[in-house]
Amino acid sequence: MVSSMRRSWDVSMGDELSIKLTTSILSLFTRVNTMSQATYTDAHRSFLQLISARRLLTAPQVNAAYEAACAKYNVGDCGGLQQFVMAINADISPMHLVIKKSMQEDLRADKSCFVLINTLSSDVLKGLSTMSAWEESLFDRIMASIVQSEEGCIHDMDAVNMGPSLTSHKVSVSDSEAAVARMVKNRLLVKVSVDSEAAVARMVKNRLLVKVSVDSEAAVARMVKNRLLVKVSVDSEAAVARMVKNRLLVKDGEMLLLSGLVLSEQQQQLEAAYPDICVKCFMCKVITLQGYCCDECNGRVHRSCGLKLWRKARRQPYCPGCNMVWPHVSDSLGGTTEQATQ
């Protein structure tokens, strides 16, 4: 009898403790939820409205928008930019949206940015974008061409010419050109300027030119002798125009790259389709097409991420994955990290 009463008492005590614990957890959840709702202000809504319209903001633009929104609605710093963005993400997550930090690559450097992306797969979103079916097909081809190119970019005329070559749709050159322009305007593609030095560097890299330290006149004479160049008396401007037309040279502002928005939103799809090319930066975990690549482990790192790492480690450039030293990067940087480590 006593044993039965003790078991009954133990069960009732266990139930009571369980009820108290559950009540405490619910109370804590309610307080946290109330606090999170209280911290979501008009400043957050204003910031969300801006990034929803643009979908990509550079780091300086994000900081300026954050400070302006907090000052306008007199809400202090809202716990800092990170907490500010986290509060917005908590509110928009039911709509499968998220604000993420990304990296915008250029032919010369990388820029930190924030992007508003859809977390649903691209297959679910097919047909729901503002682009027509043929524009989506065109963008898929452009994206594939950029990813598979050695330099991570393509000439804008190459992108335009992909429109008329679509077999599933009849597209004129003018319509294709307008579509590519809209992709640039909507920040799906980035159009960058290319100076002559960068163009020559890419030709050397692709073995279209050979870079040697010799007298220029003697070098040209040997190229003419070996029939690599033809020496003729023509107007220089017309000659350059023909080189541009024949794509031996690239004019300013005519190269296209994938934006940080696309690299973040299409990250899983790109990694699945191009596992050897679309590799995430070892540091920031965003795909890099312009960054440094390791010959040993295929590890990659953005140029800006690498510089931060090597300066902090006070070392010459090395692979953060396998620790292999990268002398070719040291040469291209011209002693930048060497000065920083002294």
C-alpha atoms as a PDB file:
ATOM      1  CA  MET A   1       0.000   0.000   0.000  1.00  0.00           C
ATOM      2  CA  VAL A   2       2.791   2.367   0.996  1.00  0.00           C
ATOM      3  CA  SER A   3       4.756   1.392  -2.116  1.00  0.00           C
ATOM      4  CA  SER A   4       1.718   2.101  -4.285  1.00  0.00           C
ATOM      5  CA  MET A   5       1.211   5.523  -2.674  1.00  0.00           C
ATOM      6  CA  ARG A   6       4.925   6.363  -3.171  1.00  0.00           C
ATOM      7  CA  ARG A   7       4.728   5.509  -6.910  1.00  0.00           C
ATOM      8  CA  SER A   8       1.597   7.618  -7.235  1.00  0.00           C
ATOM      9  CA  TRP A   9       3.301  10.533  -5.474  1.00  0.00           C
ATOM     10  CA  ASP A  10       6.397  10.203  -7.711  1.00  0.00           C
ATOM     11  CA  VAL A  11       4.234  10.318 -10.859  1.00  0.00           C
ATOM     12  CA  SER A  12       2.307  13.334  -9.647  1.00  0.00           C
ATOM     13  CA  MET A  13       5.538  15.130  -8.725  1.00  0.00           C
ATOM     14  CA  GLY A  14       6.961  14.310 -12.172  1.00  0.00           C
ATOM     15  CA  ASP A  15       3.883  15.660 -13.884  1.00  0.00           C
ATOM     16  CA  GLU A  16       4.020  18.813 -11.769  1.00  0.00           C
ATOM     17  CA  LEU A  17       7.686  19.396 -12.635  1.00  0.00           C
ATOM     18  CA  SER A  18       6.957  18.764 -16.306  1.00  0.00           C
ATOM     19  CA  ILE A  19       4.082  21.255 -16.240  1.00  0.00           C
ATOM     20  CA  LYS A  20       6.235  23.886 -14.528  1.00  0.00           C
ATOM     21  CA  LEU A  21       9.073  23.335 -17.007  1.00  0.00           C
ATOM     22  CA  THR A  22       6.704  23.583 -19.988  1.00  0.00           C
ATOM     23  CA  THR A  23       5.118  26.734 -18.529  1.00  0.00           C
ATOM     24  CA  SER A  24       8.549  28.323 -18.047  1.00  0.00           C
ATOM     25  CA  ILE A  25       9.614  27.521 -21.622  1.00  0.00           C
ATOM     26  CA  LEU A  26       6.373  28.936 -23.048  1.00  0.00           C
ATOM     27  CA  SER A  27       6.746  32.057 -20.916  1.00  0.00           C
ATOM     28  CA  LEU A  28      10.337  32.541 -22.076  1.00  0.00           C
ATOM     29  CA  PHE A  29       9.331  31.994 -25.725  1.00  0.00           C
ATOM     30  CA  THR A  30       6.530  34.538 -25.342  1.00  0.00           C
ATOM     31  CA  ARG A  31       8.901  37.120 -23.867  1.00  0.00           C
ATOM     32  CA  VAL A  32      11.519  36.546 -26.603  1.00  0.00           C
ATOM     33  CA  ASN A  33       8.842  36.705 -29.304  1.00  0.00           C
ATOM     34  CA  THR A  34       7.443  39.919 -27.830  1.00  0.00           C
ATOM     35  CA  MET A  35      10.918  41.434 -27.666  1.00  0.00           C
ATOM     36  CA  SER A  36      11.672  40.478 -31.288  1.00  0.00           C
ATOM     37  CA  GLN A  37       8.395  42.020 -32.412  1.00  0.00           C
ATOM     38  CA  ALA A  38       9.131  45.139 -30.414  1.00  0.00           C
ATOM     39  CA  THR A  39      12.551  45.535 -32.053  1.00  0.00           C
ATOM     40  CA  TYR A  40      11.073  45.407 -35.570  1.00  0.00           C
ATOM     41  CA  THR A  41      10.486  49.056 -36.357  1.00  0.00           C
ATOM     42  CA  ASP A  42       9.784  51.372 -39.257  1.00  0.00           C
ATOM     43  CA  ALA A  43      13.562  51.608 -39.683  1.00  0.00           C
ATOM     44  CA  HIS A  44      13.611  47.903 -40.561  1.00  0.00           C
ATOM     45  CA  ARG A  45      10.681  48.339 -42.938  1.00  0.00           C
ATOM     46  CA  SER A  46      12.376  51.270 -44.649  1.00  0.00           C
ATOM     47  CA  PHE A  47      15.597  49.301 -45.125  1.00  0.00           C
ATOM     48  CA  LEU A  48      13.666  46.290 -46.422  1.00  0.00           C
ATOM     49  CA  GLN A  49      11.824  48.472 -48.913  1.00  0.00           C
ATOM     50  CA  LEU A  50      15.115  49.761 -50.316  1.00  0.00           C
ATOM     51  CA  ILE A  51      16.826  46.383 -50.687  1.00  0.00           C
ATOM     52  CA  SER A  52      13.618  44.868 -52.112  1.00  0.00           C
ATOM     53  CA  ALA A  53      13.700  47.459 -54.889  1.00  0.00           C
ATOM     54  CA  ARG A  54      17.390  46.999 -55.699  1.00  0.00           C
ATOM     55  CA  ARG A  55      18.024  43.416 -54.506  1.00  0.00           C
ATOM     56  CA  LEU A  56      21.765  44.146 -54.300  1.00  0.00           C
ATOM     57  CA  LEU A  57      23.461  46.808 -52.216  1.00  0.00           C
ATOM     58  CA  THR A  58      27.200  47.288 -51.832  1.00  0.00           C
ATOM     59  CA  ALA A  59      28.636  47.404 -48.308  1.00  0.00           C
ATOM     60  CA  PRO A  60      28.893  51.240 -48.270  1.00  0.00           C
ATOM     61  CA  GLN A  61      25.282  51.496 -49.515  1.00  0.00           C
ATOM     62  CA  VAL A  62      24.107  49.076 -46.813  1.00  0.00           C
ATOM     63  CA  ASN A  63      25.869  50.997 -44.052  1.00  0.00           C
ATOM     64  CA  ALA A  64      24.511  54.301 -45.337  1.00  0.00           C
ATOM     65  CA  ALA A  65      20.946  52.928 -45.601  1.00  0.00           C
ATOM     66  CA  TYR A  66      21.146  51.363 -42.129  1.00  0.00           C
ATOM     67  CA  GLU A  67      22.411  54.568 -40.496  1.00  0.00           C
ATOM     68  CA  ALA A  68      19.881  56.721 -42.372  1.00  0.00           C
ATOM     69  CA  ALA A  69      16.947  54.478 -41.395  1.00  0.00           C
ATOM     70  CA  CYS A  70      17.954  54.393 -37.714  1.00  0.00           C
ATOM     71  CA  ALA A  71      18.454  58.171 -37.630  1.00  0.00           C
ATOM     72  CA  LYS A  72      15.197  58.920 -39.457  1.00  0.00           C
ATOM     73  CA  TYR A  73      13.060  56.892 -37.037  1.00  0.00           C
ATOM     74  CA  ASN A  74      15.207  57.662 -33.967  1.00  0.00           C
ATOM     75  CA  VAL A  75      15.650  54.028 -32.902  1.00  0.00           C
ATOM     76  CA  GLY A  76      19.329  54.045 -31.928  1.00  0.00           C
ATOM     77  CA  ASP A  77      21.597  51.463 -33.548  1.00  0.00           C
ATOM     78  CA  CYS A  78      19.164  48.512 -33.052  1.00  0.00           C
ATOM     79  CA  GLY A  79      22.008  46.368 -31.731  1.00  0.00           C
ATOM     80  CA  GLY A  80      24.230  46.861 -34.753  1.00  0.00           C
ATOM     81  CA  LEU A  81      23.896  46.038 -38.438  1.00  0.00           C
ATOM     82  CA  GLN A  82      24.034  42.273 -37.906  1.00  0.00           C
ATOM     83  CA  GLN A  83      21.169  42.275 -35.388  1.00  0.00           C
ATOM     84  CA  PHE A  84      19.293  44.732 -37.588  1.00  0.00           C
ATOM     85  CA  VAL A  85      19.458  42.388 -40.611  1.00  0.00           C
ATOM     86  CA  MET A  86      18.663  39.329 -38.462  1.00  0.00           C
ATOM     87  CA  ALA A  87      15.443  41.003 -37.279  1.00  0.00           C
ATOM     88  CA  ILE A  88      14.405  41.618 -40.886  1.00  0.00           C
ATOM     89  CA  ASN A  89      15.263  38.041 -41.893  1.00  0.00           C
ATOM     90  CA  ALA A  90      13.119  36.689 -39.050  1.00  0.00           C
ATOM     91  CA  ASP A  91      10.175  38.667 -40.403  1.00  0.00           C
ATOM     92  CA  ILE A  92      10.582  37.736 -44.089  1.00  0.00           C
ATOM     93  CA  SER A  93      11.606  34.082 -43.681  1.00  0.00           C
ATOM     94  CA  PRO A  94       7.978  32.803 -43.979  1.00  0.00           C
ATOM     95  CA  MET A  95       8.011  34.284 -47.497  1.00  0.00           C
ATOM     96  CA  HIS A  96      11.165  32.277 -48.324  1.00  0.00           C
ATOM     97  CA  LEU A  97      13.281  35.421 -48.540  1.00  0.00           C
ATOM     98  CA  VAL A  98      16.564  36.201 -46.827  1.00  0.00           C
ATOM     99  CA  ILE A  99      19.142  38.983 -46.844  1.00  0.00           C
ATOM    100  CA  LYS A 100      22.640  37.524 -47.197  1.00  0.00           C
ATOM    101  CA  LYS A 101      26.124  38.894 -47.379  1.00  0.00           C
ATOM    102  CA  SER A 102      27.730  38.153 -50.735  1.00  0.00           C
ATOM    103  CA  MET A 103      30.655  39.214 -52.906  1.00  0.00           C
ATOM    104  CA  GLN A 104      30.539  41.167 -56.151  1.00  0.00           C
ATOM    105  CA  GLU A 105      33.500  40.216 -58.327  1.00  0.00           C
ATOM    106  CA  ASP A 106      35.103  42.530 -60.838  1.00  0.00           C
ATOM    107  CA  LEU A 107      37.983  41.980 -63.219  1.00  0.00           C
ATOM    108  CA  ARG A 108      40.166  44.062 -60.905  1.00  0.00           C
ATOM    109  CA  ALA A 109      38.835  43.545 -57.371  1.00  0.00           C
ATOM    110  CA  ASP A 110      36.012  42.217 -55.193  1.00  0.00           C
ATOM    111  CA  LYS A 111      33.364  44.214 -53.342  1.00  0.00           C
ATOM    112  CA  SER A 112      31.339  43.070 -50.345  1.00  0.00           C
ATOM    113  CA  CYS A 113      27.602  43.388 -50.841  1.00  0.00           C
ATOM    114  CA  PHE A 114      24.244  42.377 -49.374  1.00  0.00           C
ATOM    115  CA  VAL A 115      21.632  40.649 -51.522  1.00  0.00           C
ATOM    116  CA  LEU A 116      17.955  39.805 -51.088  1.00  0.00           C
ATOM    117  CA  ILE A 117      17.460  36.284 -52.427  1.00  0.00           C
ATOM    118  CA  ASN A 118      14.685  33.730 -52.704  1.00  0.00           C
ATOM    119  CA  THR A 119      15.431  30.516 -50.815  1.00  0.00           C
ATOM    120  CA  LEU A 120      13.135  28.382 -52.980  1.00  0.00           C
ATOM    121  CA  SER A 121      14.784  26.337 -55.724  1.00  0.00           C
ATOM    122  CA  SER A 122      14.946  27.843 -59.201  1.00  0.00           C
ATOM    123  CA  ASP A 123      12.763  25.008 -60.550  1.00  0.00           C
ATOM    124  CA  VAL A 124       9.904  26.090 -58.261  1.00  0.00           C
ATOM    125  CA  LEU A 125      10.250  29.681 -59.466  1.00  0.00           C
ATOM    126  CA  LYS A 126      10.312  28.873 -63.182  1.00  0.00           C
ATOM    127  CA  GLY A 127       7.700  30.939 -64.965  1.00  0.00           C
ATOM    128  CA  LEU A 128       7.168  33.242 -61.985  1.00  0.00           C
ATOM    129  CA  SER A 129       9.859  35.784 -62.844  1.00  0.00           C
ATOM    130  CA  THR A 130       9.327  38.947 -64.864  1.00  0.00           C
ATOM    131  CA  MET A 131      11.404  37.477 -67.698  1.00  0.00           C
ATOM    132  CA  SER A 132       9.721  35.745 -70.607  1.00  0.00           C
ATOM    133  CA  ALA A 133      10.479  32.104 -71.414  1.00  0.00           C
ATOM    134  CA  TRP A 134      13.034  32.958 -74.098  1.00  0.00           C
ATOM    135  CA  GLU A 135      14.733  35.474 -71.804  1.00  0.00           C
ATOM    136  CA  GLU A 136      15.100  32.799 -69.122  1.00  0.00           C
ATOM    137  CA  SER A 137      16.608  30.465 -71.730  1.00  0.00           C
ATOM    138  CA  LEU A 138      18.953  33.226 -72.864  1.00  0.00           C
ATOM    139  CA  PHE A 139      20.050  33.974 -69.300  1.00  0.00           C
ATOM    140  CA  ASP A 140      20.693  30.270 -68.630  1.00  0.00           C
ATOM    141  CA  ARG A 141      22.966  30.137 -71.692  1.00  0.00           C
ATOM    142  CA  ILE A 142      24.773  33.336 -70.717  1.00  0.00           C
ATOM    143  CA  MET A 143      25.270  32.070 -67.169  1.00  0.00           C
ATOM    144  CA  ALA A 144      26.650  28.747 -68.427  1.00  0.00           C
ATOM    145  CA  SER A 145      29.019  30.526 -70.838  1.00  0.00           C
ATOM    146  CA  ILE A 146      30.365  32.821 -68.118  1.00  0.00           C
ATOM    147  CA  VAL A 147      30.889  29.952 -65.692  1.00  0.00           C
ATOM    148  CA  GLN A 148      32.638  27.774 -68.283  1.00  0.00           C
ATOM    149  CA  SER A 149      34.859  30.556 -69.650  1.00  0.00           C
ATOM    150  CA  GLU A 150      38.481  30.584 -68.495  1.00  0.00           C
ATOM    151  CA  GLU A 151      38.223  34.155 -67.267  1.00  0.00           C
ATOM    152  CA  GLY A 152      34.771  34.001 -65.655  1.00  0.00           C
ATOM    153  CA  CYS A 153      33.383  36.607 -68.058  1.00  0.00           C
ATOM    154  CA  ILE A 154      32.283  36.931 -71.675  1.00  0.00           C
ATOM    155  CA  HIS A 155      32.064  39.714 -74.247  1.00  0.00           C
ATOM    156  CA  ASP A 156      28.666  41.397 -74.240  1.00  0.00           C
ATOM    157  CA  MET A 157      28.259  40.842 -78.000  1.00  0.00           C
ATOM    158  CA  ASP A 158      28.747  37.111 -77.455  1.00  0.00           C
ATOM    159  CA  ALA A 159      25.839  37.264 -75.011  1.00  0.00           C
ATOM    160  CA  VAL A 160      23.681  39.256 -77.446  1.00  0.00           C
ATOM    161  CA  ASN A 161      24.380  36.796 -80.282  1.00  0.00           C
ATOM    162  CA  MET A 162      23.091  33.920 -78.158  1.00  0.00           C
ATOM    163  CA  GLY A 163      19.537  35.260 -78.528  1.00  0.00           C
ATOM    164  CA  PRO A 164      19.120  34.668 -82.288  1.00  0.00           C
ATOM    165  CA  SER A 165      20.788  31.254 -81.899  1.00  0.00           C
ATOM    166  CA  LEU A 166      18.080  29.967 -79.540  1.00  0.00           C
ATOM    167  CA  THR A 167      16.377  27.043 -81.261  1.00  0.00           C
ATOM    168  CA  SER A 168      13.211  27.150 -79.168  1.00  0.00           C
ATOM    169  CA  HIS A 169      12.390  30.819 -79.878  1.00  0.00           C
ATOM    170  CA  LYS A 170      12.769  33.264 -82.728  1.00  0.00           C
ATOM    171  CA  VAL A 171      14.659  36.251 -81.300  1.00  0.00           C
ATOM    172  CA  SER A 172      16.034  39.240 -83.174  1.00  0.00           C
ATOM    173  CA  VAL A 173      19.400  40.790 -82.391  1.00  0.00           C
ATOM    174  CA  SER A 174      17.749  43.997 -81.148  1.00  0.00           C
ATOM    175  CA  ASP A 175      15.451  42.071 -78.794  1.00  0.00           C
ATOM    176  CA  SER A 176      18.397  40.069 -77.504  1.00  0.00           C
ATOM    177  CA  GLU A 177      20.434  43.220 -76.954  1.00  0.00           C
ATOM    178  CA  ALA A 178      17.551  44.809 -75.044  1.00  0.00           C
ATOM    179  CA  ALA A 179      17.173  41.662 -72.908  1.00  0.00           C
ATOM    180  CA  VAL A 180      20.872  41.668 -71.970  1.00  0.00           C
ATOM    181  CA  ALA A 181      20.602  45.364 -71.089  1.00  0.00           C
ATOM    182  CA  ARG A 182      17.671  44.578 -68.765  1.00  0.00           C
ATOM    183  CA  MET A 183      19.680  41.794 -67.116  1.00  0.00           C
ATOM    184  CA  VAL A 184      22.423  44.300 -66.389  1.00  0.00           C
ATOM    185  CA  LYS A 185      19.889  46.860 -65.138  1.00  0.00           C
ATOM    186  CA  ASN A 186      18.260  44.249 -62.863  1.00  0.00           C
ATOM    187  CA  ARG A 187      21.682  43.327 -61.473  1.00  0.00           C
ATOM    188  CA  LEU A 188      21.682  39.774 -62.792  1.00  0.00           C
ATOM    189  CA  LEU A 189      24.765  40.581 -64.852  1.00  0.00           C
ATOM    190  CA  VAL A 190      27.553  43.063 -64.241  1.00  0.00           C
ATOM    191  CA  LYS A 191      29.036  45.068 -67.095  1.00  0.00           C
ATOM    192  CA  VAL A 192      32.604  46.166 -66.437  1.00  0.00           C
ATOM    193  CA  SER A 193      35.200  48.301 -68.131  1.00  0.00           C
ATOM    194  CA  VAL A 194      38.318  46.650 -69.443  1.00  0.00           C
ATOM    195  CA  ASP A 195      41.498  48.658 -69.860  1.00  0.00           C
ATOM    196  CA  SER A 196      44.191  47.766 -72.346  1.00  0.00           C
ATOM    197  CA  GLU A 197      46.568  46.440 -69.686  1.00  0.00           C
ATOM    198  CA  ALA A 198      43.987  43.971 -68.395  1.00  0.00           C
ATOM    199  CA  ALA A 199      43.114  42.934 -71.944  1.00  0.00           C
ATOM    200  CA  VAL A 200      46.777  42.242 -72.753  1.00  0.00           C
ATOM    201  CA  ALA A 201      47.162  40.304 -69.482  1.00  0.00           C
ATOM    202  CA  ARG A 202      44.248  38.055 -70.454  1.00  0.00           C
ATOM    203  CA  MET A 203      45.713  37.525 -73.937  1.00  0.00           C
ATOM    204  CA  VAL A 204      49.005  36.493 -72.349  1.00  0.00           C
ATOM    205  CA  LYS A 205      47.152  34.177 -69.959  1.00  0.00           C
ATOM    206  CA  ASN A 206      45.246  32.588 -72.851  1.00  0.00           C
ATOM    207  CA  ARG A 207      48.479  32.335 -74.881  1.00  0.00           C
ATOM    208  CA  LEU A 208      47.281  34.677 -77.596  1.00  0.00           C
ATOM    209  CA  LEU A 209      50.328  36.854 -76.858  1.00  0.00           C
ATOM    210  CA  VAL A 210      53.742  36.068 -75.377  1.00  0.00           C
ATOM    211  CA  LYS A 211      55.136  38.501 -72.837  1.00  0.00           C
ATOM    212  CA  VAL A 212      58.919  38.853 -72.982  1.00  0.00           C
ATOM    213  CA  SER A 213      61.415  41.419 -71.726  1.00  0.00           C
ATOM    214  CA  VAL A 214      63.068  42.472 -74.986  1.00  0.00           C
ATOM    215  CA  ASP A 215      63.408  45.526 -77.108  1.00  0.00           C
ATOM    216  CA  SER A 216      59.947  46.215 -78.555  1.00  0.00           C
ATOM    217  CA  GLU A 217      61.195  47.077 -82.057  1.00  0.00           C
ATOM    218  CA  ALA A 218      63.263  43.905 -82.269  1.00  0.00           C
ATOM    219  CA  ALA A 219      60.329  41.848 -80.948  1.00  0.00           C
ATOM    220  CA  VAL A 220      57.973  43.278 -83.559  1.00  0.00           C
ATOM    221  CA  ALA A 221      60.561  42.591 -86.272  1.00  0.00           C
ATOM    222  CA  ARG A 222      60.764  38.933 -85.212  1.00  0.00           C
ATOM    223  CA  MET A 223      56.938  38.648 -85.125  1.00  0.00           C
ATOM    224  CA  VAL A 224      56.784  40.036 -88.685  1.00  0.00           C
ATOM    225  CA  LYS A 225      59.532  37.640 -89.759  1.00  0.00           C
ATOM    226  CA  ASN A 226      57.683  34.683 -88.189  1.00  0.00           C
ATOM    227  CA  ARG A 227      54.433  35.874 -89.785  1.00  0.00           C
ATOM    228  CA  LEU A 228      52.746  36.466 -86.441  1.00  0.00           C
ATOM    229  CA  LEU A 229      52.242  40.087 -87.491  1.00  0.00           C
ATOM    230  CA  VAL A 230      51.867  41.736 -90.882  1.00  0.00           C
ATOM    231  CA  LYS A 231      53.538  45.085 -91.253  1.00  0.00           C
ATOM    232  CA  VAL A 232      51.460  47.469 -93.351  1.00  0.00           C
ATOM    233  CA  SER A 233      51.067  51.202 -93.654  1.00  0.00           C
ATOM    234  CA  VAL A 234      47.568  51.925 -92.361  1.00  0.00           C
ATOM    235  CA  ASP A 235      45.842  54.410 -90.180  1.00  0.00           C
ATOM    236  CA  SER A 236      46.236  53.317 -86.518  1.00  0.00           C
ATOM    237  CA  GLU A 237      42.633  54.086 -85.589  1.00  0.00           C
ATOM    238  CA  ALA A 238      41.297  51.937 -88.427  1.00  0.00           C
ATOM    239  CA  ALA A 239      43.677  49.142 -87.444  1.00  0.00           C
ATOM    240  CA  VAL A 240      42.488  49.220 -83.847  1.00  0.00           C
ATOM    241  CA  ALA A 241      38.875  49.249 -85.043  1.00  0.00           C
ATOM    242  CA  ARG A 242      39.495  46.088 -87.051  1.00  0.00           C
ATOM    243  CA  MET A 243      41.163  44.437 -84.054  1.00  0.00           C
ATOM    244  CA  VAL A 244      38.104  45.253 -81.983  1.00  0.00           C
ATOM    245  CA  LYS A 245      35.803  43.961 -84.724  1.00  0.00           C
ATOM    246  CA  ASN A 246      37.813  40.738 -84.955  1.00  0.00           C
ATOM    247  CA  ARG A 247      37.844  40.529 -81.133  1.00  0.00           C
ATOM    248  CA  LEU A 248      41.599  40.664 -80.829  1.00  0.00           C
ATOM    249  CA  LEU A 249      41.074  43.659 -78.554  1.00  0.00           C
ATOM    250  CA  VAL A 250      38.167  44.502 -76.265  1.00  0.00           C
ATOM    251  CA  LYS A 251      36.753  47.993 -75.932  1.00  0.00           C
ATOM    252  CA  ASP A 252      35.958  49.494 -72.546  1.00  0.00           C
ATOM    253  CA  GLY A 253      32.751  48.482 -70.822  1.00  0.00           C
ATOM    254  CA  GLU A 254      31.943  45.385 -72.870  1.00  0.00           C
ATOM    255  CA  MET A 255      32.603  42.419 -70.559  1.00  0.00           C
ATOM    256  CA  LEU A 256      29.840  40.661 -68.620  1.00  0.00           C
ATOM    257  CA  LEU A 257      30.164  38.848 -65.294  1.00  0.00           C
ATOM    258  CA  LEU A 258      27.632  37.161 -63.011  1.00  0.00           C
ATOM    259  CA  SER A 259      26.488  39.415 -60.182  1.00  0.00           C
ATOM    260  CA  GLY A 260      26.785  38.627 -56.491  1.00  0.00           C
ATOM    261  CA  LEU A 261      22.997  38.303 -56.486  1.00  0.00           C
ATOM    262  CA  VAL A 262      23.042  35.436 -59.011  1.00  0.00           C
ATOM    263  CA  LEU A 263      26.057  33.723 -57.420  1.00  0.00           C
ATOM    264  CA  SER A 264      24.213  33.649 -54.086  1.00  0.00           C
ATOM    265  CA  GLU A 265      20.697  32.833 -55.289  1.00  0.00           C
ATOM    266  CA  GLN A 266      21.829  30.202 -57.812  1.00  0.00           C
ATOM    267  CA  GLN A 267      24.642  28.833 -55.651  1.00  0.00           C
ATOM    268  CA  GLN A 268      23.284  25.309 -55.133  1.00  0.00           C
ATOM    269  CA  GLN A 269      22.292  24.918 -58.782  1.00  0.00           C
ATOM    270  CA  LEU A 270      25.672  26.181 -60.016  1.00  0.00           C
ATOM    271  CA  GLU A 271      27.589  23.899 -57.653  1.00  0.00           C
ATOM    272  CA  ALA A 272      25.547  20.897 -58.809  1.00  0.00           C
ATOM    273  CA  ALA A 273      25.946  21.690 -62.517  1.00  0.00           C
ATOM    274  CA  TYR A 274      29.612  22.771 -62.430  1.00  0.00           C
ATOM    275  CA  PRO A 275      31.222  21.177 -59.339  1.00  0.00           C
ATOM    276  CA  ASP A 276      34.792  21.655 -60.580  1.00  0.00           C
ATOM    277  CA  ILE A 277      34.315  25.288 -61.603  1.00  0.00           C
ATOM    278  CA  CYS A 278      31.784  26.769 -59.195  1.00  0.00           C
ATOM    279  CA  VAL A 279      33.727  26.358 -55.968  1.00  0.00           C
ATOM    280  CA  LYS A 280      32.953  28.382 -52.856  1.00  0.00           C
ATOM    281  CA  CYS A 281      35.545  30.717 -51.396  1.00  0.00           C
ATOM    282  CA  PHE A 282      37.252  29.000 -48.464  1.00  0.00           C
ATOM    283  CA  MET A 283      36.723  32.088 -46.311  1.00  0.00           C
ATOM    284  CA  CYS A 284      33.278  33.571 -47.055  1.00  0.00           C
ATOM    285  CA  LYS A 285      31.603  30.473 -48.598  1.00  0.00           C
ATOM    286  CA  VAL A 286      30.391  32.360 -51.699  1.00  0.00           C
ATOM    287  CA  ILE A 287      31.217  31.064 -55.200  1.00  0.00           C
ATOM    288  CA  THR A 288      34.180  32.800 -56.799  1.00  0.00           C
ATOM    289  CA  LEU A 289      34.943  32.785 -60.524  1.00  0.00           C
ATOM    290  CA  GLN A 290      37.599  35.513 -60.454  1.00  0.00           C
ATOM    291  CA  GLY A 291      39.440  34.511 -57.284  1.00  0.00           C
ATOM    292  CA  TYR A 292      42.660  32.565 -56.750  1.00  0.00           C
ATOM    293  CA  CYS A 293      42.636  28.785 -57.315  1.00  0.00           C
ATOM    294  CA  CYS A 294      44.936  26.147 -55.820  1.00  0.00           C
ATOM    295  CA  ASP A 295      46.577  23.729 -58.283  1.00  0.00           C
ATOM    296  CA  GLU A 296      46.813  21.040 -55.603  1.00  0.00           C
ATOM    297  CA  CYS A 297      43.368  20.874 -53.982  1.00  0.00           C
ATOM    298  CA  ASN A 298      41.257  23.133 -56.272  1.00  0.00           C
ATOM    299  CA  GLY A 299      40.523  25.294 -53.242  1.00  0.00           C
ATOM    300  CA  ARG A 300      39.521  28.852 -54.052  1.00  0.00           C
ATOM    301  CA  VAL A 301      39.498  32.192 -52.313  1.00  0.00           C
ATOM    302  CA  HIS A 302      38.326  35.660 -53.319  1.00  0.00           C
ATOM    303  CA  ARG A 303      41.106  38.146 -53.892  1.00  0.00           C
ATOM    304  CA  SER A 304      39.868  40.388 -51.086  1.00  0.00           C
ATOM    305  CA  CYS A 305      39.331  37.442 -48.707  1.00  0.00           C
ATOM    306  CA  GLY A 306      42.826  36.160 -49.469  1.00  0.00           C
ATOM    307  CA  LEU A 307      44.444  39.524 -48.803  1.00  0.00           C
ATOM    308  CA  LYS A 308      42.693  39.790 -45.426  1.00  0.00           C
ATOM    309  CA  LEU A 309      43.772  36.263 -44.492  1.00  0.00           C
ATOM    310  CA  TRP A 310      47.420  36.670 -45.508  1.00  0.00           C
ATOM    311  CA  ARG A 311      47.776  40.073 -43.870  1.00  0.00           C
ATOM    312  CA  LYS A 312      46.301  38.777 -40.634  1.00  0.00           C
ATOM    313  CA  ALA A 313      48.544  35.694 -40.740  1.00  0.00           C
ATOM    314  CA  ARG A 314      51.514  37.876 -41.742  1.00  0.00           C
ATOM    315  CA  ARG A 315      52.434  35.331 -44.400  1.00  0.00           C
ATOM    316  CA  GLN A 316      52.983  35.191 -48.122  1.00  0.00           C
ATOM    317  CA  PRO A 317      49.950  34.022 -50.149  1.00  0.00           C
ATOM    318  CA  TYR A 318      49.034  30.401 -49.460  1.00  0.00           C
ATOM    319  CA  CYS A 319      46.065  28.091 -49.916  1.00  0.00           C
ATOM    320  CA  PRO A 320      43.806  28.163 -46.838  1.00  0.00           C
ATOM    321  CA  GLY A 321      42.737  24.606 -47.676  1.00  0.00           C
ATOM    322  CA  CYS A 322      46.006  22.666 -48.049  1.00  0.00           C
ATOM    323  CA  ASN A 323      48.487  25.355 -46.879  1.00  0.00           C
ATOM    324  CA  MET A 324      50.403  25.289 -50.172  1.00  0.00           C
ATOM    325  CA  VAL A 325      52.362  28.476 -50.889  1.00  0.00           C
ATOM    326  CA  TRP A 326      51.257  30.424 -53.962  1.00  0.00           C
ATOM    327  CA  PRO A 327      54.329  32.163 -55.453  1.00  0.00           C
ATOM    328  CA  HIS A 328      52.386  33.059 -58.620  1.00  0.00           C
ATOM    329  CA  VAL A 329      49.983  35.098 -56.490  1.00  0.00           C
ATOM    330  CA  SER A 330      52.880  36.855 -54.753  1.00  0.00           C
ATOM    331  CA  ASP A 331      54.258  37.862 -58.150  1.00  0.00           C
ATOM    332  CA  SER A 332      50.884  39.175 -59.359  1.00  0.00           C
ATOM    333  CA  LEU A 333      50.402  41.203 -56.183  1.00  0.00           C
ATOM    334  CA  GLY A 334      53.793  42.822 -56.579  1.00  0.00           C
ATOM    335  CA  GLY A 335      54.755  42.645 -52.910  1.00  0.00           C
ATOM    336  CA  THR A 336      51.441  43.858 -51.484  1.00  0.00           C
ATOM    337  CA  THR A 337      51.324  41.224 -48.774  1.00  0.00           C
ATOM    338  CA  GLU A 338      55.046  41.379 -48.282  1.00  0.00           C
ATOM    339  CA  GLN A 339      54.772  45.019 -47.271  1.00  0.00           C
ATOM    340  CA  ALA A 340      51.847  44.238 -45.008  1.00  0.00           C
ATOM    341  CA  THR A 341      53.779  41.541 -43.133  1.00  0.00           C
ATOM    342  CA  GLN A 342      56.767  43.711 -42.351  1.00  0.00           C
END
